[in-house]
Amino acid sequence: MNKEALPPLDALRAFEAAARCLSFTRAAEEMFLTQSAVSKQVIALEAALGLPLFERRPRALLLTPAGERLQRAVEHAFAELRAVAAELRGGGEPTLTLATTQAFASFWLIPRLEDFRLRHPGIDIRISADTRVVDLERGRFDAAVRYLQDRNAPAGALRLFGDTVVPVASPAYLGKSPGLAQPADLNRHVLLVYEDEAQSRPWLSWQVWLEMSGQPRLRPAGSIAFNQYASAIGAAIDGQGVALATLGLVADLLRSGQLVAPLPQRYANPRSYYLLLPARPATNPALKPFRAWLAAQAGVANAPRESAT
C-alpha cells in the first residue's frame, strides 16, 4: 500500500467509534452494523497501517499508543469536516456539544434546558454524559462541565458553584420509616451507597461522613450499592433509602419536595463545578450565549446578562 494513501473512510469511522466506546459491540450498535463488521474494518485498518491499534483483552478493549495517536487525529479531522460541511450547506443551525457527568446532566442541566431553548431557539445542544475525561483540544466537544478541585481548575474556567454534602431521602420513605433526627438514627435506615471505584470522591462515602459525624462504628439496617452517583440519588427519590447528595445538584429536588435533608450535619467538600472551554480560539457561535446562560443559571456574580431572542 502507498504510504501516503489515506485509509478507507469506513474503516476510520469504525475505528473512531470503537476507540470512543472502547467496545466493538457498542460501536456496532451506534453504527447500525454487526460487531463482526466493525471488528473486520478495524482489523483491515490495522493491516493497512502495519501495526495494532487496540490491545484486546478478555473483558476489555484498550488503545495502543498508536491507536491513541490515530484517535486524536481522526476526531480532529472528523470535527473539521463536520464544521466545514455545515458551513457549505448554509443555513444550518449551530450545534454545541457538551461533555459532562451523568449526575450534572440529569439533576441540574436538563431541567433547565427548556429555558435555554426558549431564549436561543436556533441553537441545538448535544450532551455526552460520561465520567471519562475528555480532551477539548481534539475538537469533538465544544465545552465540558467538570467537578474539579478549585486549585486544579485551568485558567479561564468558569466556576459555577461549590458544594456541600448532605444526607437526603424522599418524604415517602421518611414517612414510613423510623425517625431520623440525628446521625445515630441511621442505624435504623437503609443507606444508599455510591461505590466510587476510582475513589475520586471520598466525601460521598458514608464511612467518611459517619466518621465526621461522630458515628464511625454505626451499622445501618441495610444498604444498597450503586456504581453511578445518579442511580443512588434516583433510588432516594424512589423511596429506597437515604443517600449522600451534593447539595448543588439536588437543590431543585429539595425545593420541589421530591427530596428532603432531615439532618443538620452538612460538610463542605473541596471541589466545585466548572465550565471548561478549549484553549484554542472559539469558532462555534453557540459557545458565547451558552456560557452566558449557564453563568446566569448558576448565579455567578457578574454573569453576562441573558435576554430572550
C-alpha atoms as a PDB file:
ATOM      1  CA  MET A   1       0.000   0.000   0.000  1.00  0.00           C
ATOM      2  CA  ASN A   2       1.209   3.504  -0.859  1.00  0.00           C
ATOM      3  CA  LYS A   3       2.459   5.060   2.391  1.00  0.00           C
ATOM      4  CA  GLU A   4       0.750   8.348   1.508  1.00  0.00           C
ATOM      5  CA  ALA A   5      -2.597   6.751   0.650  1.00  0.00           C
ATOM      6  CA  LEU A   6      -5.453   7.517   3.018  1.00  0.00           C
ATOM      7  CA  PRO A   7      -7.121   4.576   4.800  1.00  0.00           C
ATOM      8  CA  PRO A   8     -10.720   3.809   3.761  1.00  0.00           C
ATOM      9  CA  LEU A   9     -13.235   6.216   5.306  1.00  0.00           C
ATOM     10  CA  ASP A  10     -15.498   3.388   6.504  1.00  0.00           C
ATOM     11  CA  ALA A  11     -12.597   1.814   8.366  1.00  0.00           C
ATOM     12  CA  LEU A  12     -11.731   5.151  10.004  1.00  0.00           C
ATOM     13  CA  ARG A  13     -15.369   5.631  11.054  1.00  0.00           C
ATOM     14  CA  ALA A  14     -15.433   2.166  12.592  1.00  0.00           C
ATOM     15  CA  PHE A  15     -12.132   2.822  14.366  1.00  0.00           C
ATOM     16  CA  GLU A  16     -13.319   6.201  15.710  1.00  0.00           C
ATOM     17  CA  ALA A  17     -16.497   4.671  17.155  1.00  0.00           C
ATOM     18  CA  ALA A  18     -14.658   1.703  18.676  1.00  0.00           C
ATOM     19  CA  ALA A  19     -11.945   3.948  20.139  1.00  0.00           C
ATOM     20  CA  ARG A  20     -14.523   6.271  21.672  1.00  0.00           C
ATOM     21  CA  CYS A  21     -16.675   3.472  23.097  1.00  0.00           C
ATOM     22  CA  LEU A  22     -13.757   1.092  23.799  1.00  0.00           C
ATOM     23  CA  SER A  23     -16.105  -1.626  22.610  1.00  0.00           C
ATOM     24  CA  PHE A  24     -16.700  -3.163  19.197  1.00  0.00           C
ATOM     25  CA  THR A  25     -20.214  -4.116  20.312  1.00  0.00           C
ATOM     26  CA  ARG A  26     -21.251  -0.593  21.331  1.00  0.00           C
ATOM     27  CA  ALA A  27     -19.600   0.852  18.232  1.00  0.00           C
ATOM     28  CA  ALA A  28     -21.579  -1.576  16.088  1.00  0.00           C
ATOM     29  CA  GLU A  29     -24.850  -0.593  17.783  1.00  0.00           C
ATOM     30  CA  GLU A  30     -24.059   3.074  17.179  1.00  0.00           C
ATOM     31  CA  MET A  31     -23.272   2.490  13.508  1.00  0.00           C
ATOM     32  CA  PHE A  32     -26.143   0.018  12.920  1.00  0.00           C
ATOM     33  CA  LEU A  33     -23.667  -2.687  11.898  1.00  0.00           C
ATOM     34  CA  THR A  34     -22.788  -6.097  13.278  1.00  0.00           C
ATOM     35  CA  GLN A  35     -20.000  -6.452  15.800  1.00  0.00           C
ATOM     36  CA  SER A  36     -18.176  -8.670  13.308  1.00  0.00           C
ATOM     37  CA  ALA A  37     -18.345  -5.978  10.595  1.00  0.00           C
ATOM     38  CA  VAL A  38     -16.809  -3.333  12.861  1.00  0.00           C
ATOM     39  CA  SER A  39     -14.110  -5.728  14.038  1.00  0.00           C
ATOM     40  CA  LYS A  40     -13.207  -6.660  10.451  1.00  0.00           C
ATOM     41  CA  GLN A  41     -12.950  -2.993   9.424  1.00  0.00           C
ATOM     42  CA  VAL A  42     -10.611  -2.276  12.329  1.00  0.00           C
ATOM     43  CA  ILE A  43      -8.509  -5.346  11.518  1.00  0.00           C
ATOM     44  CA  ALA A  44      -8.274  -4.180   7.898  1.00  0.00           C
ATOM     45  CA  LEU A  45      -7.178  -0.731   9.083  1.00  0.00           C
ATOM     46  CA  GLU A  46      -4.523  -2.261  11.336  1.00  0.00           C
ATOM     47  CA  ALA A  47      -3.292  -4.349   8.404  1.00  0.00           C
ATOM     48  CA  ALA A  48      -3.123  -1.270   6.167  1.00  0.00           C
ATOM     49  CA  LEU A  49      -1.125   0.646   8.768  1.00  0.00           C
ATOM     50  CA  GLY A  50       1.032  -2.321   9.715  1.00  0.00           C
ATOM     51  CA  LEU A  51       0.584  -2.130  13.496  1.00  0.00           C
ATOM     52  CA  PRO A  52      -2.088  -2.843  16.152  1.00  0.00           C
ATOM     53  CA  LEU A  53      -4.421  -0.039  17.226  1.00  0.00           C
ATOM     54  CA  PHE A  54      -6.108  -1.893  20.084  1.00  0.00           C
ATOM     55  CA  GLU A  55      -4.975  -4.146  22.869  1.00  0.00           C
ATOM     56  CA  ARG A  56      -7.636  -6.852  23.002  1.00  0.00           C
ATOM     57  CA  ARG A  57      -8.176  -8.320  26.458  1.00  0.00           C
ATOM     58  CA  PRO A  58     -10.791 -10.896  27.533  1.00  0.00           C
ATOM     59  CA  ARG A  59     -13.097  -8.275  29.022  1.00  0.00           C
ATOM     60  CA  ALA A  60     -11.594  -5.000  27.892  1.00  0.00           C
ATOM     61  CA  LEU A  61     -10.542  -3.142  24.769  1.00  0.00           C
ATOM     62  CA  LEU A  62      -7.693  -0.669  25.171  1.00  0.00           C
ATOM     63  CA  LEU A  63      -5.981   1.670  22.738  1.00  0.00           C
ATOM     64  CA  THR A  64      -2.315   1.155  21.970  1.00  0.00           C
ATOM     65  CA  PRO A  65      -0.086   4.259  21.796  1.00  0.00           C
ATOM     66  CA  ALA A  66      -0.520   4.181  18.013  1.00  0.00           C
ATOM     67  CA  GLY A  67      -4.279   3.888  18.471  1.00  0.00           C
ATOM     68  CA  GLU A  68      -4.346   6.878  20.813  1.00  0.00           C
ATOM     69  CA  ARG A  69      -2.401   8.938  18.279  1.00  0.00           C
ATOM     70  CA  LEU A  70      -4.711   7.958  15.445  1.00  0.00           C
ATOM     71  CA  GLN A  71      -7.811   8.611  17.568  1.00  0.00           C
ATOM     72  CA  ARG A  72      -6.693  12.198  18.208  1.00  0.00           C
ATOM     73  CA  ALA A  73      -6.092  12.768  14.514  1.00  0.00           C
ATOM     74  CA  VAL A  74      -9.359  11.164  13.400  1.00  0.00           C
ATOM     75  CA  GLU A  75     -11.508  13.023  15.936  1.00  0.00           C
ATOM     76  CA  HIS A  76      -9.946  16.336  14.935  1.00  0.00           C
ATOM     77  CA  ALA A  77     -10.344  15.603  11.224  1.00  0.00           C
ATOM     78  CA  PHE A  78     -13.967  14.499  11.578  1.00  0.00           C
ATOM     79  CA  ALA A  79     -14.792  17.598  13.633  1.00  0.00           C
ATOM     80  CA  GLU A  80     -13.263  19.834  10.983  1.00  0.00           C
ATOM     81  CA  LEU A  81     -15.154  18.016   8.226  1.00  0.00           C
ATOM     82  CA  ARG A  82     -18.467  18.379  10.075  1.00  0.00           C
ATOM     83  CA  ALA A  83     -17.882  22.092  10.657  1.00  0.00           C
ATOM     84  CA  VAL A  84     -16.946  22.773   7.037  1.00  0.00           C
ATOM     85  CA  ALA A  85     -19.857  20.697   5.739  1.00  0.00           C
ATOM     86  CA  ALA A  86     -22.265  22.694   7.901  1.00  0.00           C
ATOM     87  CA  GLU A  87     -20.848  25.967   6.570  1.00  0.00           C
ATOM     88  CA  LEU A  88     -21.087  24.805   2.968  1.00  0.00           C
ATOM     89  CA  ARG A  89     -24.661  23.650   3.385  1.00  0.00           C
ATOM     90  CA  GLY A  90     -25.544  27.086   4.722  1.00  0.00           C
ATOM     91  CA  GLY A  91     -28.479  27.911   6.928  1.00  0.00           C
ATOM     92  CA  GLY A  92     -27.711  25.067   9.310  1.00  0.00           C
ATOM     93  CA  GLU A  93     -28.425  25.575  12.979  1.00  0.00           C
ATOM     94  CA  PRO A  94     -25.341  25.911  15.205  1.00  0.00           C
ATOM     95  CA  THR A  95     -24.814  22.908  17.464  1.00  0.00           C
ATOM     96  CA  LEU A  96     -22.951  22.864  20.764  1.00  0.00           C
ATOM     97  CA  THR A  97     -21.639  19.528  22.047  1.00  0.00           C
ATOM     98  CA  LEU A  98     -21.151  19.426  25.815  1.00  0.00           C
ATOM     99  CA  ALA A  99     -19.361  16.746  27.822  1.00  0.00           C
ATOM    100  CA  THR A 100     -20.387  16.398  31.449  1.00  0.00           C
ATOM    101  CA  THR A 101     -21.260  13.880  34.135  1.00  0.00           C
ATOM    102  CA  GLN A 102     -24.492  11.931  34.222  1.00  0.00           C
ATOM    103  CA  ALA A 103     -25.435  13.465  37.572  1.00  0.00           C
ATOM    104  CA  PHE A 104     -24.910  17.074  36.455  1.00  0.00           C
ATOM    105  CA  ALA A 105     -26.840  16.442  33.250  1.00  0.00           C
ATOM    106  CA  SER A 106     -29.744  14.649  34.951  1.00  0.00           C
ATOM    107  CA  PHE A 107     -30.276  16.747  38.063  1.00  0.00           C
ATOM    108  CA  TRP A 108     -29.070  20.227  37.145  1.00  0.00           C
ATOM    109  CA  LEU A 109     -28.706  20.860  33.421  1.00  0.00           C
ATOM    110  CA  ILE A 110     -31.572  19.023  31.716  1.00  0.00           C
ATOM    111  CA  PRO A 111     -34.315  20.524  33.920  1.00  0.00           C
ATOM    112  CA  ARG A 112     -33.063  23.980  32.863  1.00  0.00           C
ATOM    113  CA  LEU A 113     -32.596  23.362  29.139  1.00  0.00           C
ATOM    114  CA  GLU A 114     -36.133  24.398  28.225  1.00  0.00           C
ATOM    115  CA  ASP A 115     -35.223  27.936  29.296  1.00  0.00           C
ATOM    116  CA  PHE A 116     -32.163  27.866  27.034  1.00  0.00           C
ATOM    117  CA  ARG A 117     -34.208  26.621  24.082  1.00  0.00           C
ATOM    118  CA  LEU A 118     -36.743  29.404  24.600  1.00  0.00           C
ATOM    119  CA  ARG A 119     -34.003  32.038  24.692  1.00  0.00           C
ATOM    120  CA  HIS A 120     -31.930  30.565  21.867  1.00  0.00           C
ATOM    121  CA  PRO A 121     -34.215  28.518  19.612  1.00  0.00           C
ATOM    122  CA  GLY A 122     -31.632  28.474  16.832  1.00  0.00           C
ATOM    123  CA  ILE A 123     -29.013  26.559  18.861  1.00  0.00           C
ATOM    124  CA  ASP A 124     -29.029  22.783  19.198  1.00  0.00           C
ATOM    125  CA  ILE A 125     -27.416  21.148  22.227  1.00  0.00           C
ATOM    126  CA  ARG A 126     -25.829  17.706  22.282  1.00  0.00           C
ATOM    127  CA  ILE A 127     -24.982  16.258  25.703  1.00  0.00           C
ATOM    128  CA  SER A 128     -22.472  13.484  26.273  1.00  0.00           C
ATOM    129  CA  ALA A 129     -22.875  12.300  29.875  1.00  0.00           C
ATOM    130  CA  ASP A 130     -19.767  10.321  30.783  1.00  0.00           C
ATOM    131  CA  THR A 131     -17.262  10.208  33.607  1.00  0.00           C
ATOM    132  CA  ARG A 132     -14.298   9.893  31.247  1.00  0.00           C
ATOM    133  CA  VAL A 133     -12.032  12.912  30.979  1.00  0.00           C
ATOM    134  CA  VAL A 134     -12.257  14.442  27.504  1.00  0.00           C
ATOM    135  CA  ASP A 135      -9.682  16.448  25.586  1.00  0.00           C
ATOM    136  CA  LEU A 136     -11.347  19.645  24.393  1.00  0.00           C
ATOM    137  CA  GLU A 137      -8.463  20.334  22.055  1.00  0.00           C
ATOM    138  CA  ARG A 138      -9.325  17.322  19.900  1.00  0.00           C
ATOM    139  CA  GLY A 139     -12.389  19.085  18.553  1.00  0.00           C
ATOM    140  CA  ARG A 140     -15.154  16.549  19.304  1.00  0.00           C
ATOM    141  CA  PHE A 141     -16.551  18.583  22.210  1.00  0.00           C
ATOM    142  CA  ASP A 142     -17.093  22.327  22.343  1.00  0.00           C
ATOM    143  CA  ALA A 143     -17.165  22.546  26.139  1.00  0.00           C
ATOM    144  CA  ALA A 144     -17.259  20.460  29.282  1.00  0.00           C
ATOM    145  CA  VAL A 145     -18.656  20.790  32.792  1.00  0.00           C
ATOM    146  CA  ARG A 146     -16.451  19.016  35.296  1.00  0.00           C
ATOM    147  CA  TYR A 147     -16.188  18.543  39.054  1.00  0.00           C
ATOM    148  CA  LEU A 148     -12.709  19.834  39.953  1.00  0.00           C
ATOM    149  CA  GLN A 149     -10.655  20.872  42.918  1.00  0.00           C
ATOM    150  CA  ASP A 150     -10.510  24.649  42.867  1.00  0.00           C
ATOM    151  CA  ARG A 151      -6.714  24.610  42.824  1.00  0.00           C
ATOM    152  CA  ASN A 152      -6.718  22.403  39.728  1.00  0.00           C
ATOM    153  CA  ALA A 153      -9.177  24.426  37.664  1.00  0.00           C
ATOM    154  CA  PRO A 154      -7.460  25.681  34.487  1.00  0.00           C
ATOM    155  CA  ALA A 155      -7.164  29.351  33.638  1.00  0.00           C
ATOM    156  CA  GLY A 156     -10.314  30.655  32.015  1.00  0.00           C
ATOM    157  CA  ALA A 157     -12.587  28.037  33.592  1.00  0.00           C
ATOM    158  CA  LEU A 158     -15.933  29.390  34.803  1.00  0.00           C
ATOM    159  CA  ARG A 159     -16.769  28.304  38.367  1.00  0.00           C
ATOM    160  CA  LEU A 160     -20.483  27.544  38.506  1.00  0.00           C
ATOM    161  CA  PHE A 161     -20.947  26.545  42.147  1.00  0.00           C
ATOM    162  CA  GLY A 162     -19.247  24.806  45.040  1.00  0.00           C
ATOM    163  CA  ASP A 163     -20.798  22.023  47.002  1.00  0.00           C
ATOM    164  CA  THR A 164     -21.829  20.631  50.347  1.00  0.00           C
ATOM    165  CA  VAL A 165     -22.617  17.012  51.230  1.00  0.00           C
ATOM    166  CA  VAL A 166     -25.949  16.245  52.906  1.00  0.00           C
ATOM    167  CA  PRO A 167     -27.970  13.054  53.552  1.00  0.00           C
ATOM    168  CA  VAL A 168     -31.255  13.084  51.618  1.00  0.00           C
ATOM    169  CA  ALA A 169     -34.337  10.900  51.369  1.00  0.00           C
ATOM    170  CA  SER A 170     -37.826  11.125  49.952  1.00  0.00           C
ATOM    171  CA  PRO A 171     -40.734  12.283  52.142  1.00  0.00           C
ATOM    172  CA  ALA A 172     -42.487   8.984  51.386  1.00  0.00           C
ATOM    173  CA  TYR A 173     -39.522   6.979  52.704  1.00  0.00           C
ATOM    174  CA  LEU A 174     -39.223   9.053  55.867  1.00  0.00           C
ATOM    175  CA  GLY A 175     -42.972   8.843  56.428  1.00  0.00           C
ATOM    176  CA  LYS A 176     -42.883   5.062  56.662  1.00  0.00           C
ATOM    177  CA  SER A 177     -39.512   4.732  58.439  1.00  0.00           C
ATOM    178  CA  PRO A 178     -38.212   5.272  61.992  1.00  0.00           C
ATOM    179  CA  GLY A 179     -37.339   8.834  62.948  1.00  0.00           C
ATOM    180  CA  LEU A 180     -34.194  10.446  61.562  1.00  0.00           C
ATOM    181  CA  ALA A 181     -33.191  13.436  63.690  1.00  0.00           C
ATOM    182  CA  GLN A 182     -29.508  12.722  64.359  1.00  0.00           C
ATOM    183  CA  PRO A 183     -26.733  10.671  62.732  1.00  0.00           C
ATOM    184  CA  ALA A 184     -27.065   7.832  65.278  1.00  0.00           C
ATOM    185  CA  ASP A 185     -30.598   7.220  63.970  1.00  0.00           C
ATOM    186  CA  LEU A 186     -29.156   5.965  60.687  1.00  0.00           C
ATOM    187  CA  ASN A 187     -28.689   2.544  62.307  1.00  0.00           C
ATOM    188  CA  ARG A 188     -32.411   2.018  61.640  1.00  0.00           C
ATOM    189  CA  HIS A 189     -32.268   3.033  57.991  1.00  0.00           C
ATOM    190  CA  VAL A 190     -31.180   1.696  54.609  1.00  0.00           C
ATOM    191  CA  LEU A 191     -28.161   3.563  53.246  1.00  0.00           C
ATOM    192  CA  LEU A 192     -27.845   4.076  49.503  1.00  0.00           C
ATOM    193  CA  VAL A 193     -24.137   3.732  48.822  1.00  0.00           C
ATOM    194  CA  TYR A 194     -22.255   5.231  45.888  1.00  0.00           C
ATOM    195  CA  GLU A 195     -19.333   2.897  45.206  1.00  0.00           C
ATOM    196  CA  ASP A 196     -16.691   5.203  43.782  1.00  0.00           C
ATOM    197  CA  GLU A 197     -14.261   2.659  42.343  1.00  0.00           C
ATOM    198  CA  ALA A 198     -11.758   5.364  41.398  1.00  0.00           C
ATOM    199  CA  GLN A 199     -12.009   6.810  44.935  1.00  0.00           C
ATOM    200  CA  SER A 200     -12.123  10.268  43.419  1.00  0.00           C
ATOM    201  CA  ARG A 201     -14.984  11.441  45.667  1.00  0.00           C
ATOM    202  CA  PRO A 202     -14.283  10.223  49.210  1.00  0.00           C
ATOM    203  CA  TRP A 203     -16.612  12.888  50.621  1.00  0.00           C
ATOM    204  CA  LEU A 204     -19.529  10.929  49.103  1.00  0.00           C
ATOM    205  CA  SER A 205     -18.561   7.881  51.166  1.00  0.00           C
ATOM    206  CA  TRP A 206     -20.897   7.004  54.018  1.00  0.00           C
ATOM    207  CA  GLN A 207     -17.885   5.790  56.001  1.00  0.00           C
ATOM    208  CA  VAL A 208     -16.244   9.213  55.772  1.00  0.00           C
ATOM    209  CA  TRP A 209     -19.495  11.057  56.526  1.00  0.00           C
ATOM    210  CA  LEU A 210     -20.236   8.878  59.574  1.00  0.00           C
ATOM    211  CA  GLU A 211     -16.723   9.396  60.935  1.00  0.00           C
ATOM    212  CA  MET A 212     -17.090  13.162  60.571  1.00  0.00           C
ATOM    213  CA  SER A 213     -20.472  12.923  62.333  1.00  0.00           C
ATOM    214  CA  GLY A 214     -19.071  11.011  65.291  1.00  0.00           C
ATOM    215  CA  GLN A 215     -20.540   7.627  64.305  1.00  0.00           C
ATOM    216  CA  PRO A 216     -17.589   5.661  62.852  1.00  0.00           C
ATOM    217  CA  ARG A 217     -18.913   2.285  64.055  1.00  0.00           C
ATOM    218  CA  LEU A 218     -22.539   2.732  63.054  1.00  0.00           C
ATOM    219  CA  ARG A 219     -24.138  -0.223  61.286  1.00  0.00           C
ATOM    220  CA  PRO A 220     -27.207   0.593  59.180  1.00  0.00           C
ATOM    221  CA  ALA A 221     -30.310  -1.554  58.927  1.00  0.00           C
ATOM    222  CA  GLY A 222     -29.280  -2.330  55.352  1.00  0.00           C
ATOM    223  CA  SER A 223     -27.588  -0.928  52.299  1.00  0.00           C
ATOM    224  CA  ILE A 224     -27.889  -0.842  48.504  1.00  0.00           C
ATOM    225  CA  ALA A 225     -24.779  -0.070  46.460  1.00  0.00           C
ATOM    226  CA  PHE A 226     -24.586   1.716  43.087  1.00  0.00           C
ATOM    227  CA  ASN A 227     -21.673   2.369  40.762  1.00  0.00           C
ATOM    228  CA  GLN A 228     -23.283   5.572  39.466  1.00  0.00           C
ATOM    229  CA  TYR A 229     -23.975   8.571  41.688  1.00  0.00           C
ATOM    230  CA  ALA A 230     -27.104   9.447  39.685  1.00  0.00           C
ATOM    231  CA  SER A 231     -28.511   5.971  40.348  1.00  0.00           C
ATOM    232  CA  ALA A 232     -28.099   6.393  44.106  1.00  0.00           C
ATOM    233  CA  ILE A 233     -29.959   9.707  44.027  1.00  0.00           C
ATOM    234  CA  GLY A 234     -32.633   8.181  41.798  1.00  0.00           C
ATOM    235  CA  ALA A 235     -33.127   5.403  44.343  1.00  0.00           C
ATOM    236  CA  ALA A 236     -33.511   8.021  47.084  1.00  0.00           C
ATOM    237  CA  ILE A 237     -36.214   9.774  45.048  1.00  0.00           C
ATOM    238  CA  ASP A 238     -37.948   6.407  44.648  1.00  0.00           C
ATOM    239  CA  GLY A 239     -38.021   5.909  48.424  1.00  0.00           C
ATOM    240  CA  GLN A 240     -35.406   3.159  48.685  1.00  0.00           C
ATOM    241  CA  GLY A 241     -33.353   4.697  51.487  1.00  0.00           C
ATOM    242  CA  VAL A 242     -31.032   7.553  52.475  1.00  0.00           C
ATOM    243  CA  ALA A 243     -28.329   8.795  50.097  1.00  0.00           C
ATOM    244  CA  LEU A 244     -25.460  11.235  50.404  1.00  0.00           C
ATOM    245  CA  ALA A 245     -26.008  14.087  47.967  1.00  0.00           C
ATOM    246  CA  THR A 246     -24.055  17.059  46.725  1.00  0.00           C
ATOM    247  CA  LEU A 247     -26.276  19.993  47.615  1.00  0.00           C
ATOM    248  CA  GLY A 248     -25.639  21.976  44.457  1.00  0.00           C
ATOM    249  CA  LEU A 249     -27.039  19.188  42.298  1.00  0.00           C
ATOM    250  CA  VAL A 250     -30.122  18.335  44.369  1.00  0.00           C
ATOM    251  CA  ALA A 251     -31.159  21.863  45.369  1.00  0.00           C
ATOM    252  CA  ASP A 252     -34.019  21.815  42.853  1.00  0.00           C
ATOM    253  CA  LEU A 253     -35.189  18.429  44.149  1.00  0.00           C
ATOM    254  CA  LEU A 254     -35.184  19.803  47.695  1.00  0.00           C
ATOM    255  CA  ARG A 255     -37.134  22.898  46.652  1.00  0.00           C
ATOM    256  CA  SER A 256     -39.712  20.787  44.825  1.00  0.00           C
ATOM    257  CA  GLY A 257     -40.136  18.460  47.796  1.00  0.00           C
ATOM    258  CA  GLN A 258     -39.018  15.325  45.953  1.00  0.00           C
ATOM    259  CA  LEU A 259     -36.210  15.033  48.476  1.00  0.00           C
ATOM    260  CA  VAL A 260     -35.667  16.354  51.986  1.00  0.00           C
ATOM    261  CA  ALA A 261     -32.495  16.782  54.042  1.00  0.00           C
ATOM    262  CA  PRO A 262     -33.551  15.674  57.544  1.00  0.00           C
ATOM    263  CA  LEU A 263     -30.203  16.055  59.326  1.00  0.00           C
ATOM    264  CA  PRO A 264     -28.478  19.359  60.155  1.00  0.00           C
ATOM    265  CA  GLN A 265     -24.961  17.990  59.561  1.00  0.00           C
ATOM    266  CA  ARG A 266     -23.530  19.392  56.312  1.00  0.00           C
ATOM    267  CA  TYR A 267     -19.913  19.193  55.241  1.00  0.00           C
ATOM    268  CA  ALA A 268     -18.230  21.217  52.515  1.00  0.00           C
ATOM    269  CA  ASN A 269     -16.134  19.262  50.037  1.00  0.00           C
ATOM    270  CA  PRO A 270     -13.046  20.562  48.226  1.00  0.00           C
ATOM    271  CA  ARG A 271     -14.455  20.656  44.700  1.00  0.00           C
ATOM    272  CA  SER A 272     -16.675  22.823  42.511  1.00  0.00           C
ATOM    273  CA  TYR A 273     -18.412  22.504  39.157  1.00  0.00           C
ATOM    274  CA  TYR A 274     -16.606  24.345  36.361  1.00  0.00           C
ATOM    275  CA  LEU A 275     -17.390  25.098  32.740  1.00  0.00           C
ATOM    276  CA  LEU A 276     -14.289  24.356  30.676  1.00  0.00           C
ATOM    277  CA  LEU A 277     -13.679  25.740  27.197  1.00  0.00           C
ATOM    278  CA  PRO A 278     -10.916  24.791  24.745  1.00  0.00           C
ATOM    279  CA  ALA A 279      -7.783  26.902  24.789  1.00  0.00           C
ATOM    280  CA  ARG A 280      -7.964  27.411  21.032  1.00  0.00           C
ATOM    281  CA  PRO A 281      -9.980  30.414  19.779  1.00  0.00           C
ATOM    282  CA  ALA A 282     -13.710  29.685  19.798  1.00  0.00           C
ATOM    283  CA  THR A 283     -15.150  29.112  16.341  1.00  0.00           C
ATOM    284  CA  ASN A 284     -18.582  27.888  17.419  1.00  0.00           C
ATOM    285  CA  PRO A 285     -21.033  30.816  17.616  1.00  0.00           C
ATOM    286  CA  ALA A 286     -23.113  28.893  20.176  1.00  0.00           C
ATOM    287  CA  LEU A 287     -20.374  28.996  22.828  1.00  0.00           C
ATOM    288  CA  LYS A 288     -20.770  32.624  23.914  1.00  0.00           C
ATOM    289  CA  PRO A 289     -24.560  32.567  24.522  1.00  0.00           C
ATOM    290  CA  PHE A 290     -24.347  29.140  26.195  1.00  0.00           C
ATOM    291  CA  ARG A 291     -21.613  30.299  28.571  1.00  0.00           C
ATOM    292  CA  ALA A 292     -23.598  33.429  29.460  1.00  0.00           C
ATOM    293  CA  TRP A 293     -26.783  31.415  30.025  1.00  0.00           C
ATOM    294  CA  LEU A 294     -25.017  28.801  32.158  1.00  0.00           C
ATOM    295  CA  ALA A 295     -23.413  31.501  34.305  1.00  0.00           C
ATOM    296  CA  ALA A 296     -26.771  33.213  34.829  1.00  0.00           C
ATOM    297  CA  GLN A 297     -28.442  29.917  35.759  1.00  0.00           C
ATOM    298  CA  ALA A 298     -25.711  29.201  38.304  1.00  0.00           C
ATOM    299  CA  GLY A 299     -25.992  32.706  39.741  1.00  0.00           C
ATOM    300  CA  VAL A 300     -22.368  33.507  39.042  1.00  0.00           C
ATOM    301  CA  ALA A 301     -21.512  37.021  40.143  1.00  0.00           C
ATOM    302  CA  ASN A 302     -21.131  39.492  37.282  1.00  0.00           C
ATOM    303  CA  ALA A 303     -22.533  36.972  34.819  1.00  0.00           C
ATOM    304  CA  PRO A 304     -23.366  38.441  31.401  1.00  0.00           C
ATOM    305  CA  ARG A 305     -26.998  39.451  31.162  1.00  0.00           C
ATOM    306  CA  GLU A 306     -29.251  36.989  29.351  1.00  0.00           C
ATOM    307  CA  SER A 307     -32.158  38.082  27.176  1.00  0.00           C
ATOM    308  CA  ALA A 308     -34.609  36.093  25.132  1.00  0.00           C
ATOM    309  CA  THR A 309     -34.048  36.104  21.389  1.00  0.00           C
END
